[in-house]
Amino acid sequence: MQINWHDKSPIYRQLAERLRDLILQGVYGDDDAIPSVRHIAAEHQINPLTVSKAFQVLVDEQLVIKKRGIGMYIASGARQQLIQQERSLFLEREWPKFKQRAEDLGFDLNHLIQESS
């Protein structure tokens, strides 16, 4: 798992976001085990408590479930849940800016689709 750390947000949030991306991309599917806290902490040379905090964020979002004594697993339907969330965010945050920029450049939706194909 490759992560390029930055100073814009806490490491646990960056790690949680990277795991969300991996779920969204299908790297981790429903009921797949995810690497252990110790494994991720050692691989990225970060504190295990930081990894645990990232995992807890994903548990709170119901994307990951804890199986006592076994490990952490991707929750059933996690990818679909993320797709719905990301679509809503795209339409709310990104689409209006994109649409305005396209209109500023004289594109209409049909022309833009043809240009990009």
Protein backbone atom coordinates (compact mmCIF):
# COMPACT_ATOMS: atom_id res chain seq x y z
CA MET A 1 0.00 0.00 0.00
CA GLN A 2 1.70 3.18 -1.21
CA ILE A 3 0.92 6.41 0.61
CA ASN A 4 2.43 9.80 -0.03
CA TRP A 5 2.07 11.65 3.27
CA HIS A 6 1.42 15.39 3.37
CA ASP A 7 0.97 18.00 6.09
CA LYS A 8 -2.57 19.03 5.14
CA SER A 9 -4.33 16.53 7.41
CA PRO A 10 -3.44 14.12 10.23
CA ILE A 11 -1.78 10.86 9.24
CA TYR A 12 -4.68 8.76 10.55
CA ARG A 13 -7.06 10.63 8.22
CA GLN A 14 -4.69 10.17 5.27
CA LEU A 15 -4.45 6.45 6.01
CA ALA A 16 -8.23 6.12 6.32
CA GLU A 17 -8.62 7.96 3.00
CA ARG A 18 -6.10 5.65 1.31
CA LEU A 19 -7.98 2.60 2.57
CA ARG A 20 -11.26 4.13 1.30
CA ASP A 21 -9.61 4.58 -2.10
CA LEU A 22 -8.48 0.96 -2.15
CA ILE A 23 -12.01 -0.19 -1.35
CA LEU A 24 -13.44 2.10 -4.01
CA GLN A 25 -10.95 0.79 -6.59
CA GLY A 26 -11.86 -2.80 -5.75
CA VAL A 27 -8.46 -3.73 -4.34
CA TYR A 28 -10.30 -4.82 -1.21
CA GLY A 29 -13.69 -6.42 -1.73
CA ASP A 30 -16.51 -7.38 0.58
CA ASP A 31 -15.37 -9.58 3.45
CA ASP A 32 -11.66 -9.27 2.52
CA ALA A 33 -9.20 -9.07 5.39
CA ILE A 34 -7.14 -5.90 5.55
CA PRO A 35 -3.55 -5.80 6.79
CA SER A 36 -3.09 -5.75 10.53
CA VAL A 37 -2.35 -2.67 12.59
CA ARG A 38 1.16 -3.97 13.25
CA HIS A 39 1.80 -4.69 9.58
CA ILE A 40 0.71 -1.23 8.40
CA ALA A 41 2.54 0.50 11.26
CA ALA A 42 5.77 -1.34 10.46
CA GLU A 43 5.42 -0.88 6.69
CA HIS A 44 4.91 2.88 6.95
CA GLN A 45 6.94 3.47 10.11
CA ILE A 46 4.06 5.05 11.96
CA ASN A 47 2.68 4.57 15.44
CA PRO A 48 0.28 1.60 15.79
CA LEU A 49 -2.12 3.90 17.67
CA THR A 50 -2.31 6.06 14.53
CA VAL A 51 -3.25 3.01 12.46
CA SER A 52 -5.81 1.96 15.06
CA LYS A 53 -7.35 5.42 14.93
CA ALA A 54 -7.63 5.21 11.12
CA PHE A 55 -9.27 1.79 11.42
CA GLN A 56 -11.72 3.14 13.99
CA VAL A 57 -12.75 5.88 11.55
CA LEU A 58 -13.56 3.19 8.98
CA VAL A 59 -15.42 1.12 11.57
CA ASP A 60 -17.45 4.18 12.55
CA GLU A 61 -18.29 4.71 8.86
CA GLN A 62 -19.37 1.04 8.70
CA LEU A 63 -16.85 0.30 5.94
CA VAL A 64 -14.78 -2.08 8.07
CA ILE A 65 -15.83 -4.56 10.71
CA LYS A 66 -13.82 -6.01 13.59
CA LYS A 67 -13.85 -9.76 13.98
CA ARG A 68 -12.69 -10.32 17.51
CA GLY A 69 -9.47 -12.31 17.64
CA ILE A 70 -9.30 -12.58 13.85
CA GLY A 71 -8.75 -9.08 12.46
CA MET A 72 -10.37 -6.34 10.43
CA TYR A 73 -12.50 -7.05 7.36
CA ILE A 74 -14.21 -5.01 4.69
CA ALA A 75 -17.92 -4.77 5.45
CA SER A 76 -20.42 -6.18 2.98
CA GLY A 77 -21.57 -3.43 0.65
CA ALA A 78 -18.71 -1.07 1.58
CA ARG A 79 -17.74 -0.35 -2.04
CA GLN A 80 -21.33 0.44 -3.03
CA GLN A 81 -21.68 2.69 -0.02
CA LEU A 82 -18.51 4.55 -1.01
CA ILE A 83 -19.61 4.87 -4.64
CA GLN A 84 -22.88 6.46 -3.53
CA GLN A 85 -21.07 8.85 -1.19
CA GLU A 86 -18.48 9.80 -3.81
CA ARG A 87 -21.14 10.38 -6.47
CA SER A 88 -23.02 12.70 -4.13
CA LEU A 89 -19.84 14.58 -3.27
CA PHE A 90 -18.91 14.86 -6.95
CA LEU A 91 -22.30 16.30 -7.86
CA GLU A 92 -22.27 18.65 -4.87
CA ARG A 93 -18.66 19.89 -4.96
CA GLU A 94 -16.93 19.14 -8.25
CA TRP A 95 -19.66 19.16 -10.89
CA PRO A 96 -20.72 22.81 -10.43
CA LYS A 97 -17.12 24.01 -10.85
CA PHE A 98 -16.54 21.71 -13.81
CA LYS A 99 -19.80 22.74 -15.45
CA GLN A 100 -19.05 26.43 -14.98
CA ARG A 101 -15.54 26.02 -16.41
CA ALA A 102 -16.89 24.11 -19.42
CA GLU A 103 -19.49 26.81 -20.04
CA ASP A 104 -16.81 29.51 -19.72
CA LEU A 105 -14.85 27.72 -22.46
CA GLY A 106 -17.90 27.45 -24.69
CA PHE A 107 -18.53 23.73 -24.32
CA ASP A 108 -21.95 22.21 -24.18
CA LEU A 109 -22.33 18.77 -22.65
CA ASN A 110 -22.76 16.89 -25.96
CA HIS A 111 -19.72 18.61 -27.51
CA LEU A 112 -17.64 17.90 -24.43
CA ILE A 113 -18.54 14.21 -24.50
CA GLN A 114 -17.63 14.00 -28.21
CA GLU A 115 -14.31 15.78 -27.63
CA SER A 116 -13.31 13.45 -24.83
CA SER A 117 -14.11 10.23 -26.74
